[in-house]
Every structure is written in C-alpha cells, then in structure tokens.
Amino acid sequence: MKTLRQVAEEQYTDDAPIKERLLELQLKLEAEEITEEEYAQEEADIIRQLREIQNHKRELAGAPPVETDRGLAFTAGETKASASVTLHQDSERKS
C-alpha cells in the first residue's frame, strides 16, 4: 500500500500534464490564438516548472541539479521537443 508521501511525490514529479500544456500552447500559437509575446511568457513559465521537476527528480536520485543554461529536452508520446531559455539580469535597476 502506498503511503500518502509516495503518492504526493509521484504527483509532484509527474511532468506529463505540464508537457501537455506546452504542446497545447504551441498549437495555440500556430492557430494564431495567442501572440508571440503571450507564447514567450507562458513558455518561460512552463520551462521553469519542467526544470523544477527535473531538478527535484535528480535530487531524489542523489544527483546535482541541472545547469540552468543547458536547456530542456523531453518526449511526449511520439513528439520530441527541446527548449532552451537564457535569463539575463540587468546590472542596473530600472526605476
């Protein structure tokens, strides 16, 4: 019998629904239901979530977290996709 912790851990590390969101987002962009800017904002959030899950899985396995500039690759069914996001921080704060 699974413990509550095991069930919660499985749900937390299940990235399939997030990958599905990314594929749906790509379809919306192709259908011109959203703008490039909306796509970029939502995609960045999805990539962040996938990276958090990937790092949590690595932590559970005793491995170090993935470098943030390496990108992300995954397979959803027959579709393979990869993404790379580089975040830059301005050296000066804008008012």
PDB file of N, CA and C in Angstrom:
ATOM      1  N   MET A   1       0.843  -1.184   0.000  1.00  0.00           N
ATOM      2  CA  MET A   1       0.000   0.000   0.000  1.00  0.00           C
ATOM      3  C   MET A   1       0.889   1.249   0.000  1.00  0.00           C
ATOM      4  N   LYS A   2       0.571   2.174  -0.875  1.00  0.00           N
ATOM      5  CA  LYS A   2       1.366   3.395  -0.981  1.00  0.00           C
ATOM      6  C   LYS A   2       1.032   4.341   0.160  1.00  0.00           C
ATOM      7  N   THR A   3       2.056   5.001   0.618  1.00  0.00           N
ATOM      8  CA  THR A   3       1.838   5.999   1.654  1.00  0.00           C
ATOM      9  C   THR A   3       1.421   7.311   0.995  1.00  0.00           C
ATOM     10  N   LEU A   4       0.882   8.175   1.773  1.00  0.00           N
ATOM     11  CA  LEU A   4       0.472   9.491   1.280  1.00  0.00           C
ATOM     12  C   LEU A   4       1.670  10.227   0.696  1.00  0.00           C
ATOM     13  N   ARG A   5       2.818  10.093   1.332  1.00  0.00           N
ATOM     14  CA  ARG A   5       4.031  10.762   0.848  1.00  0.00           C
ATOM     15  C   ARG A   5       4.427  10.246  -0.539  1.00  0.00           C
ATOM     16  N   GLN A   6       4.350   8.936  -0.751  1.00  0.00           N
ATOM     17  CA  GLN A   6       4.702   8.364  -2.052  1.00  0.00           C
ATOM     18  C   GLN A   6       3.765   8.876  -3.141  1.00  0.00           C
ATOM     19  N   VAL A   7       2.485   8.920  -2.841  1.00  0.00           N
ATOM     20  CA  VAL A   7       1.502   9.407  -3.810  1.00  0.00           C
ATOM     21  C   VAL A   7       1.771  10.872  -4.137  1.00  0.00           C
ATOM     22  N   ALA A   8       2.014  11.670  -3.118  1.00  0.00           N
ATOM     23  CA  ALA A   8       2.297  13.095  -3.327  1.00  0.00           C
ATOM     24  C   ALA A   8       3.558  13.275  -4.151  1.00  0.00           C
ATOM     25  N   GLU A   9       4.583  12.491  -3.873  1.00  0.00           N
ATOM     26  CA  GLU A   9       5.846  12.575  -4.605  1.00  0.00           C
ATOM     27  C   GLU A   9       5.646  12.223  -6.080  1.00  0.00           C
ATOM     28  N   GLU A  10       4.857  11.191  -6.342  1.00  0.00           N
ATOM     29  CA  GLU A  10       4.580  10.794  -7.721  1.00  0.00           C
ATOM     30  C   GLU A  10       3.848  11.902  -8.468  1.00  0.00           C
ATOM     31  N   GLN A  11       2.886  12.525  -7.807  1.00  0.00           N
ATOM     32  CA  GLN A  11       2.141  13.597  -8.441  1.00  0.00           C
ATOM     33  C   GLN A  11       3.034  14.807  -8.680  1.00  0.00           C
ATOM     34  N   TYR A  12       3.916  15.112  -7.735  1.00  0.00           N
ATOM     35  CA  TYR A  12       4.799  16.272  -7.859  1.00  0.00           C
ATOM     36  C   TYR A  12       5.819  16.074  -8.976  1.00  0.00           C
ATOM     37  N   THR A  13       6.250  14.854  -9.186  1.00  0.00           N
ATOM     38  CA  THR A  13       7.273  14.597 -10.201  1.00  0.00           C
ATOM     39  C   THR A  13       6.681  14.185 -11.547  1.00  0.00           C
ATOM     40  N   ASP A  14       5.358  14.174 -11.671  1.00  0.00           N
ATOM     41  CA  ASP A  14       4.720  13.843 -12.946  1.00  0.00           C
ATOM     42  C   ASP A  14       4.696  15.094 -13.820  1.00  0.00           C
ATOM     43  N   ASP A  15       5.557  15.113 -14.825  1.00  0.00           N
ATOM     44  CA  ASP A  15       5.633  16.288 -15.684  1.00  0.00           C
ATOM     45  C   ASP A  15       4.767  16.185 -16.938  1.00  0.00           C
ATOM     46  N   ALA A  16       4.053  15.089 -17.116  1.00  0.00           N
ATOM     47  CA  ALA A  16       3.223  14.905 -18.314  1.00  0.00           C
ATOM     48  C   ALA A  16       2.178  16.016 -18.506  1.00  0.00           C
ATOM     49  N   PRO A  17       1.448  16.418 -17.455  1.00  0.00           N
ATOM     50  CA  PRO A  17       0.463  17.490 -17.668  1.00  0.00           C
ATOM     51  C   PRO A  17       1.115  18.818 -18.082  1.00  0.00           C
ATOM     52  N   ILE A  18       2.303  19.075 -17.598  1.00  0.00           N
ATOM     53  CA  ILE A  18       2.993  20.332 -17.948  1.00  0.00           C
ATOM     54  C   ILE A  18       3.487  20.269 -19.389  1.00  0.00           C
ATOM     55  N   LYS A  19       3.990  19.104 -19.796  1.00  0.00           N
ATOM     56  CA  LYS A  19       4.417  18.930 -21.183  1.00  0.00           C
ATOM     57  C   LYS A  19       3.225  19.068 -22.122  1.00  0.00           C
ATOM     58  N   GLU A  20       2.091  18.569 -21.694  1.00  0.00           N
ATOM     59  CA  GLU A  20       0.872  18.697 -22.495  1.00  0.00           C
ATOM     60  C   GLU A  20       0.490  20.167 -22.643  1.00  0.00           C
ATOM     61  N   ARG A  21       0.641  20.947 -21.571  1.00  0.00           N
ATOM     62  CA  ARG A  21       0.360  22.390 -21.637  1.00  0.00           C
ATOM     63  C   ARG A  21       1.246  23.063 -22.677  1.00  0.00           C
ATOM     64  N   LEU A  22       2.529  22.658 -22.731  1.00  0.00           N
ATOM     65  CA  LEU A  22       3.452  23.250 -23.694  1.00  0.00           C
ATOM     66  C   LEU A  22       3.031  22.920 -25.125  1.00  0.00           C
ATOM     67  N   LEU A  23       2.639  21.680 -25.364  1.00  0.00           N
ATOM     68  CA  LEU A  23       2.177  21.304 -26.701  1.00  0.00           C
ATOM     69  C   LEU A  23       0.904  22.057 -27.083  1.00  0.00           C
ATOM     70  N   GLU A  24      -0.015  22.211 -26.129  1.00  0.00           N
ATOM     71  CA  GLU A  24      -1.248  22.971 -26.382  1.00  0.00           C
ATOM     72  C   GLU A  24      -0.927  24.433 -26.681  1.00  0.00           C
ATOM     73  N   LEU A  25       0.051  24.971 -25.961  1.00  0.00           N
ATOM     74  CA  LEU A  25       0.462  26.355 -26.173  1.00  0.00           C
ATOM     75  C   LEU A  25       1.024  26.529 -27.581  1.00  0.00           C
ATOM     76  N   GLN A  26       1.820  25.570 -28.031  1.00  0.00           N
ATOM     77  CA  GLN A  26       2.375  25.631 -29.384  1.00  0.00           C
ATOM     78  C   GLN A  26       1.269  25.586 -30.433  1.00  0.00           C
ATOM     79  N   LEU A  27       0.265  24.770 -30.191  1.00  0.00           N
ATOM     80  CA  LEU A  27      -0.864  24.702 -31.122  1.00  0.00           C
ATOM     81  C   LEU A  27      -1.626  26.026 -31.170  1.00  0.00           C
ATOM     82  N   LYS A  28      -1.791  26.660 -30.009  1.00  0.00           N
ATOM     83  CA  LYS A  28      -2.473  27.965 -29.964  1.00  0.00           C
ATOM     84  C   LYS A  28      -1.694  29.007 -30.759  1.00  0.00           C
ATOM     85  N   LEU A  29      -0.365  28.971 -30.646  1.00  0.00           N
ATOM     86  CA  LEU A  29       0.458  29.924 -31.393  1.00  0.00           C
ATOM     87  C   LEU A  29       0.321  29.670 -32.892  1.00  0.00           C
ATOM     88  N   GLU A  30       0.388  28.413 -33.302  1.00  0.00           N
ATOM     89  CA  GLU A  30       0.259  28.074 -34.720  1.00  0.00           C
ATOM     90  C   GLU A  30      -1.116  28.454 -35.268  1.00  0.00           C
ATOM     91  N   ALA A  31      -2.150  28.361 -34.436  1.00  0.00           N
ATOM     92  CA  ALA A  31      -3.509  28.727 -34.851  1.00  0.00           C
ATOM     93  C   ALA A  31      -3.764  30.226 -34.705  1.00  0.00           C
ATOM     94  N   GLU A  32      -2.732  30.953 -34.287  1.00  0.00           N
ATOM     95  CA  GLU A  32      -2.807  32.403 -34.082  1.00  0.00           C
ATOM     96  C   GLU A  32      -3.858  32.796 -33.059  1.00  0.00           C
ATOM     97  N   GLU A  33      -4.065  31.936 -32.054  1.00  0.00           N
ATOM     98  CA  GLU A  33      -4.981  32.246 -30.959  1.00  0.00           C
ATOM     99  C   GLU A  33      -4.304  33.082 -29.886  1.00  0.00           C
ATOM    100  N   ILE A  34      -2.971  33.092 -29.891  1.00  0.00           N
ATOM    101  CA  ILE A  34      -2.194  33.900 -28.952  1.00  0.00           C
ATOM    102  C   ILE A  34      -1.070  34.581 -29.724  1.00  0.00           C
ATOM    103  N   THR A  35      -0.531  35.644 -29.137  1.00  0.00           N
ATOM    104  CA  THR A  35       0.572  36.367 -29.770  1.00  0.00           C
ATOM    105  C   THR A  35       1.911  35.713 -29.418  1.00  0.00           C
ATOM    106  N   GLU A  36       2.947  36.100 -30.134  1.00  0.00           N
ATOM    107  CA  GLU A  36       4.304  35.611 -29.846  1.00  0.00           C
ATOM    108  C   GLU A  36       4.695  35.984 -28.414  1.00  0.00           C
ATOM    109  N   GLU A  37       4.317  37.186 -27.994  1.00  0.00           N
ATOM    110  CA  GLU A  37       4.658  37.647 -26.641  1.00  0.00           C
ATOM    111  C   GLU A  37       3.958  36.797 -25.582  1.00  0.00           C
ATOM    112  N   GLU A  38       2.681  36.524 -25.780  1.00  0.00           N
ATOM    113  CA  GLU A  38       1.949  35.674 -24.837  1.00  0.00           C
ATOM    114  C   GLU A  38       2.559  34.277 -24.791  1.00  0.00           C
ATOM    115  N   TYR A  39       2.933  33.778 -25.970  1.00  0.00           N
ATOM    116  CA  TYR A  39       3.561  32.462 -26.045  1.00  0.00           C
ATOM    117  C   TYR A  39       4.870  32.447 -25.256  1.00  0.00           C
ATOM    118  N   ALA A  40       5.693  33.450 -25.466  1.00  0.00           N
ATOM    119  CA  ALA A  40       7.001  33.503 -24.803  1.00  0.00           C
ATOM    120  C   ALA A  40       6.854  33.556 -23.285  1.00  0.00           C
ATOM    121  N   GLN A  41       5.900  34.340 -22.804  1.00  0.00           N
ATOM    122  CA  GLN A  41       5.695  34.451 -21.361  1.00  0.00           C
ATOM    123  C   GLN A  41       5.239  33.128 -20.762  1.00  0.00           C
ATOM    124  N   GLU A  42       4.260  32.503 -21.394  1.00  0.00           N
ATOM    125  CA  GLU A  42       3.732  31.228 -20.884  1.00  0.00           C
ATOM    126  C   GLU A  42       4.764  30.111 -21.028  1.00  0.00           C
ATOM    127  N   GLU A  43       5.500  30.127 -22.135  1.00  0.00           N
ATOM    128  CA  GLU A  43       6.527  29.105 -22.368  1.00  0.00           C
ATOM    129  C   GLU A  43       7.603  29.181 -21.290  1.00  0.00           C
ATOM    130  N   ALA A  44       8.023  30.393 -20.934  1.00  0.00           N
ATOM    131  CA  ALA A  44       9.046  30.557 -19.901  1.00  0.00           C
ATOM    132  C   ALA A  44       8.571  29.972 -18.571  1.00  0.00           C
ATOM    133  N   ASP A  45       7.304  30.175 -18.236  1.00  0.00           N
ATOM    134  CA  ASP A  45       6.741  29.623 -17.003  1.00  0.00           C
ATOM    135  C   ASP A  45       6.716  28.094 -17.052  1.00  0.00           C
ATOM    136  N   ILE A  46       6.321  27.551 -18.186  1.00  0.00           N
ATOM    137  CA  ILE A  46       6.258  26.096 -18.337  1.00  0.00           C
ATOM    138  C   ILE A  46       7.657  25.493 -18.247  1.00  0.00           C
ATOM    139  N   ILE A  47       8.615  26.102 -18.910  1.00  0.00           N
ATOM    140  CA  ILE A  47      10.006  25.604 -18.875  1.00  0.00           C
ATOM    141  C   ILE A  47      10.533  25.647 -17.447  1.00  0.00           C
ATOM    142  N   ARG A  48      10.206  26.711 -16.714  1.00  0.00           N
ATOM    143  CA  ARG A  48      10.638  26.812 -15.315  1.00  0.00           C
ATOM    144  C   ARG A  48      10.060  25.664 -14.494  1.00  0.00           C
ATOM    145  N   GLN A  49       8.777  25.382 -14.701  1.00  0.00           N
ATOM    146  CA  GLN A  49       8.134  24.292 -13.972  1.00  0.00           C
ATOM    147  C   GLN A  49       8.763  22.942 -14.320  1.00  0.00           C
ATOM    148  N   LEU A  50       9.033  22.722 -15.596  1.00  0.00           N
ATOM    149  CA  LEU A  50       9.661  21.464 -16.005  1.00  0.00           C
ATOM    150  C   LEU A  50      11.061  21.324 -15.414  1.00  0.00           C
ATOM    151  N   ARG A  51      11.794  22.427 -15.386  1.00  0.00           N
ATOM    152  CA  ARG A  51      13.147  22.401 -14.816  1.00  0.00           C
ATOM    153  C   ARG A  51      13.087  22.097 -13.312  1.00  0.00           C
ATOM    154  N   GLU A  52      12.102  22.672 -12.613  1.00  0.00           N
ATOM    155  CA  GLU A  52      11.954  22.395 -11.178  1.00  0.00           C
ATOM    156  C   GLU A  52      11.685  20.913 -10.941  1.00  0.00           C
ATOM    157  N   ILE A  53      10.809  20.332 -11.751  1.00  0.00           N
ATOM    158  CA  ILE A  53      10.505  18.903 -11.606  1.00  0.00           C
ATOM    159  C   ILE A  53      11.740  18.064 -11.921  1.00  0.00           C
ATOM    160  N   GLN A  54      12.430  18.419 -12.997  1.00  0.00           N
ATOM    161  CA  GLN A  54      13.630  17.678 -13.383  1.00  0.00           C
ATOM    162  C   GLN A  54      14.678  17.740 -12.265  1.00  0.00           C
ATOM    163  N   ASN A  55      14.878  18.903 -11.689  1.00  0.00           N
ATOM    164  CA  ASN A  55      15.858  19.041 -10.608  1.00  0.00           C
ATOM    165  C   ASN A  55      15.410  18.286  -9.355  1.00  0.00           C
ATOM    166  N   HIS A  56      14.108  18.266  -9.088  1.00  0.00           N
ATOM    167  CA  HIS A  56      13.610  17.528  -7.925  1.00  0.00           C
ATOM    168  C   HIS A  56      13.839  16.025  -8.111  1.00  0.00           C
ATOM    169  N   LYS A  57      13.594  15.540  -9.327  1.00  0.00           N
ATOM    170  CA  LYS A  57      13.857  14.126  -9.612  1.00  0.00           C
ATOM    171  C   LYS A  57      15.339  13.806  -9.440  1.00  0.00           C
ATOM    172  N   ARG A  58      16.194  14.706  -9.902  1.00  0.00           N
ATOM    173  CA  ARG A  58      17.640  14.496  -9.755  1.00  0.00           C
ATOM    174  C   ARG A  58      18.023  14.501  -8.277  1.00  0.00           C
ATOM    175  N   GLU A  59      17.417  15.400  -7.511  1.00  0.00           N
ATOM    176  CA  GLU A  59      17.686  15.475  -6.075  1.00  0.00           C
ATOM    177  C   GLU A  59      17.299  14.164  -5.393  1.00  0.00           C
ATOM    178  N   LEU A  60      16.134  13.616  -5.753  1.00  0.00           N
ATOM    179  CA  LEU A  60      15.688  12.349  -5.182  1.00  0.00           C
ATOM    180  C   LEU A  60      16.647  11.210  -5.522  1.00  0.00           C
ATOM    181  N   ALA A  61      17.281  11.309  -6.695  1.00  0.00           N
ATOM    182  CA  ALA A  61      18.222  10.273  -7.129  1.00  0.00           C
ATOM    183  C   ALA A  61      19.638  10.525  -6.597  1.00  0.00           C
ATOM    184  N   GLY A  62      19.833  11.650  -5.893  1.00  0.00           N
ATOM    185  CA  GLY A  62      21.139  11.970  -5.342  1.00  0.00           C
ATOM    186  C   GLY A  62      22.072  12.655  -6.320  1.00  0.00           C
ATOM    187  N   ALA A  63      21.538  13.172  -7.421  1.00  0.00           N
ATOM    188  CA  ALA A  63      22.346  13.858  -8.430  1.00  0.00           C
ATOM    189  C   ALA A  63      22.234  15.371  -8.242  1.00  0.00           C
ATOM    190  N   PRO A  64      23.241  16.109  -8.700  1.00  0.00           N
ATOM    191  CA  PRO A  64      23.169  17.575  -8.586  1.00  0.00           C
ATOM    192  C   PRO A  64      22.155  18.145  -9.566  1.00  0.00           C
ATOM    193  N   PRO A  65      21.653  19.362  -9.305  1.00  0.00           N
ATOM    194  CA  PRO A  65      20.689  19.976 -10.222  1.00  0.00           C
ATOM    195  C   PRO A  65      21.333  20.260 -11.582  1.00  0.00           C
ATOM    196  N   VAL A  66      20.509  20.336 -12.602  1.00  0.00           N
ATOM    197  CA  VAL A  66      20.972  20.630 -13.952  1.00  0.00           C
ATOM    198  C   VAL A  66      21.326  22.104 -14.038  1.00  0.00           C
ATOM    199  N   GLU A  67      22.366  22.411 -14.801  1.00  0.00           N
ATOM    200  CA  GLU A  67      22.735  23.808 -15.051  1.00  0.00           C
ATOM    201  C   GLU A  67      21.553  24.529 -15.689  1.00  0.00           C
ATOM    202  N   THR A  68      21.338  25.772 -15.329  1.00  0.00           N
ATOM    203  CA  THR A  68      20.177  26.499 -15.833  1.00  0.00           C
ATOM    204  C   THR A  68      20.302  26.894 -17.295  1.00  0.00           C
ATOM    205  N   ASP A  69      21.496  26.879 -17.874  1.00  0.00           N
ATOM    206  CA  ASP A  69      21.643  27.313 -19.262  1.00  0.00           C
ATOM    207  C   ASP A  69      21.767  26.151 -20.237  1.00  0.00           C
ATOM    208  N   ARG A  70      21.488  24.944 -19.797  1.00  0.00           N
ATOM    209  CA  ARG A  70      21.647  23.779 -20.657  1.00  0.00           C
ATOM    210  C   ARG A  70      20.427  23.497 -21.511  1.00  0.00           C
ATOM    211  N   GLY A  71      19.294  24.060 -21.210  1.00  0.00           N
ATOM    212  CA  GLY A  71      18.089  23.768 -21.973  1.00  0.00           C
ATOM    213  C   GLY A  71      17.360  22.583 -21.378  1.00  0.00           C
ATOM    214  N   LEU A  72      16.375  22.125 -22.082  1.00  0.00           N
ATOM    215  CA  LEU A  72      15.499  21.075 -21.581  1.00  0.00           C
ATOM    216  C   LEU A  72      15.032  20.270 -22.779  1.00  0.00           C
ATOM    217  N   ALA A  73      15.080  18.962 -22.673  1.00  0.00           N
ATOM    218  CA  ALA A  73      14.611  18.096 -23.759  1.00  0.00           C
ATOM    219  C   ALA A  73      13.656  17.066 -23.177  1.00  0.00           C
ATOM    220  N   PHE A  74      12.624  16.727 -23.919  1.00  0.00           N
ATOM    221  CA  PHE A  74      11.675  15.739 -23.439  1.00  0.00           C
ATOM    222  C   PHE A  74      10.927  15.123 -24.602  1.00  0.00           C
ATOM    223  N   THR A  75      10.276  14.013 -24.333  1.00  0.00           N
ATOM    224  CA  THR A  75       9.450  13.333 -25.316  1.00  0.00           C
ATOM    225  C   THR A  75       8.044  13.212 -24.751  1.00  0.00           C
ATOM    226  N   ALA A  76       7.064  13.603 -25.528  1.00  0.00           N
ATOM    227  CA  ALA A  76       5.657  13.482 -25.140  1.00  0.00           C
ATOM    228  C   ALA A  76       4.985  12.639 -26.209  1.00  0.00           C
ATOM    229  N   GLY A  77       4.787  11.376 -25.908  1.00  0.00           N
ATOM    230  CA  GLY A  77       4.232  10.468 -26.903  1.00  0.00           C
ATOM    231  C   GLY A  77       5.226  10.287 -28.034  1.00  0.00           C
ATOM    232  N   GLU A  78       4.794  10.535 -29.245  1.00  0.00           N
ATOM    233  CA  GLU A  78       5.658  10.407 -30.417  1.00  0.00           C
ATOM    234  C   GLU A  78       6.427  11.696 -30.695  1.00  0.00           C
ATOM    235  N   THR A  79       6.061  12.777 -30.013  1.00  0.00           N
ATOM    236  CA  THR A  79       6.647  14.077 -30.281  1.00  0.00           C
ATOM    237  C   THR A  79       7.851  14.326 -29.390  1.00  0.00           C
ATOM    238  N   LYS A  80       8.960  14.694 -30.012  1.00  0.00           N
ATOM    239  CA  LYS A  80      10.150  15.061 -29.256  1.00  0.00           C
ATOM    240  C   LYS A  80      10.303  16.568 -29.355  1.00  0.00           C
ATOM    241  N   ALA A  81      10.659  17.185 -28.260  1.00  0.00           N
ATOM    242  CA  ALA A  81      10.814  18.634 -28.254  1.00  0.00           C
ATOM    243  C   ALA A  81      11.956  19.022 -27.345  1.00  0.00           C
ATOM    244  N   SER A  82      12.544  20.162 -27.629  1.00  0.00           N
ATOM    245  CA  SER A  82      13.571  20.685 -26.741  1.00  0.00           C
ATOM    246  C   SER A  82      13.428  22.193 -26.698  1.00  0.00           C
ATOM    247  N   ALA A  83      13.903  22.768 -25.632  1.00  0.00           N
ATOM    248  CA  ALA A  83      13.817  24.214 -25.472  1.00  0.00           C
ATOM    249  C   ALA A  83      15.001  24.683 -24.664  1.00  0.00           C
ATOM    250  N   SER A  84      15.405  25.885 -24.926  1.00  0.00           N
ATOM    251  CA  SER A  84      16.496  26.483 -24.171  1.00  0.00           C
ATOM    252  C   SER A  84      16.125  27.918 -23.872  1.00  0.00           C
ATOM    253  N   VAL A  85      16.231  28.285 -22.627  1.00  0.00           N
ATOM    254  CA  VAL A  85      15.897  29.635 -22.210  1.00  0.00           C
ATOM    255  C   VAL A  85      17.088  30.197 -21.454  1.00  0.00           C
ATOM    256  N   THR A  86      17.525  31.385 -21.836  1.00  0.00           N
ATOM    257  CA  THR A  86      18.610  32.045 -21.127  1.00  0.00           C
ATOM    258  C   THR A  86      18.050  33.303 -20.492  1.00  0.00           C
ATOM    259  N   LEU A  87      18.183  33.393 -19.188  1.00  0.00           N
ATOM    260  CA  LEU A  87      17.691  34.560 -18.465  1.00  0.00           C
ATOM    261  C   LEU A  87      18.861  35.481 -18.158  1.00  0.00           C
ATOM    262  N   HIS A  88      18.651  36.757 -18.368  1.00  0.00           N
ATOM    263  CA  HIS A  88      19.683  37.744 -18.087  1.00  0.00           C
ATOM    264  C   HIS A  88      19.144  38.734 -17.067  1.00  0.00           C
ATOM    265  N   GLN A  89      19.998  39.139 -16.178  1.00  0.00           N
ATOM    266  CA  GLN A  89      19.601  40.137 -15.193  1.00  0.00           C
ATOM    267  C   GLN A  89      20.361  41.413 -15.483  1.00  0.00           C
ATOM    268  N   ASP A  90      19.630  42.514 -15.578  1.00  0.00           N
ATOM    269  CA  ASP A  90      20.289  43.803 -15.808  1.00  0.00           C
ATOM    270  C   ASP A  90      21.167  44.138 -14.614  1.00  0.00           C
ATOM    271  N   SER A  91      22.313  44.729 -14.899  1.00  0.00           N
ATOM    272  CA  SER A  91      23.230  45.089 -13.811  1.00  0.00           C
ATOM    273  C   SER A  91      22.731  46.325 -13.058  1.00  0.00           C
ATOM    274  N   GLU A  92      21.907  47.115 -13.708  1.00  0.00           N
ATOM    275  CA  GLU A  92      21.353  48.300 -13.055  1.00  0.00           C
ATOM    276  C   GLU A  92      19.844  48.137 -12.938  1.00  0.00           C
ATOM    277  N   ARG A  93      19.309  48.561 -11.840  1.00  0.00           N
ATOM    278  CA  ARG A  93      17.859  48.511 -11.668  1.00  0.00           C
ATOM    279  C   ARG A  93      17.213  49.672 -12.411  1.00  0.00           C
ATOM    280  N   LYS A  94      16.085  49.369 -13.013  1.00  0.00           N
ATOM    281  CA  LYS A  94      15.330  50.418 -13.709  1.00  0.00           C
ATOM    282  C   LYS A  94      14.282  50.956 -12.754  1.00  0.00           C
ATOM    283  N   SER A  95      14.069  52.265 -12.790  1.00  0.00           N
ATOM    284  CA  SER A  95      13.083  52.879 -11.905  1.00  0.00           C
ATOM    285  C   SER A  95      11.722  52.861 -12.510  1.00  0.00           C
TER     286      SER A  95
END
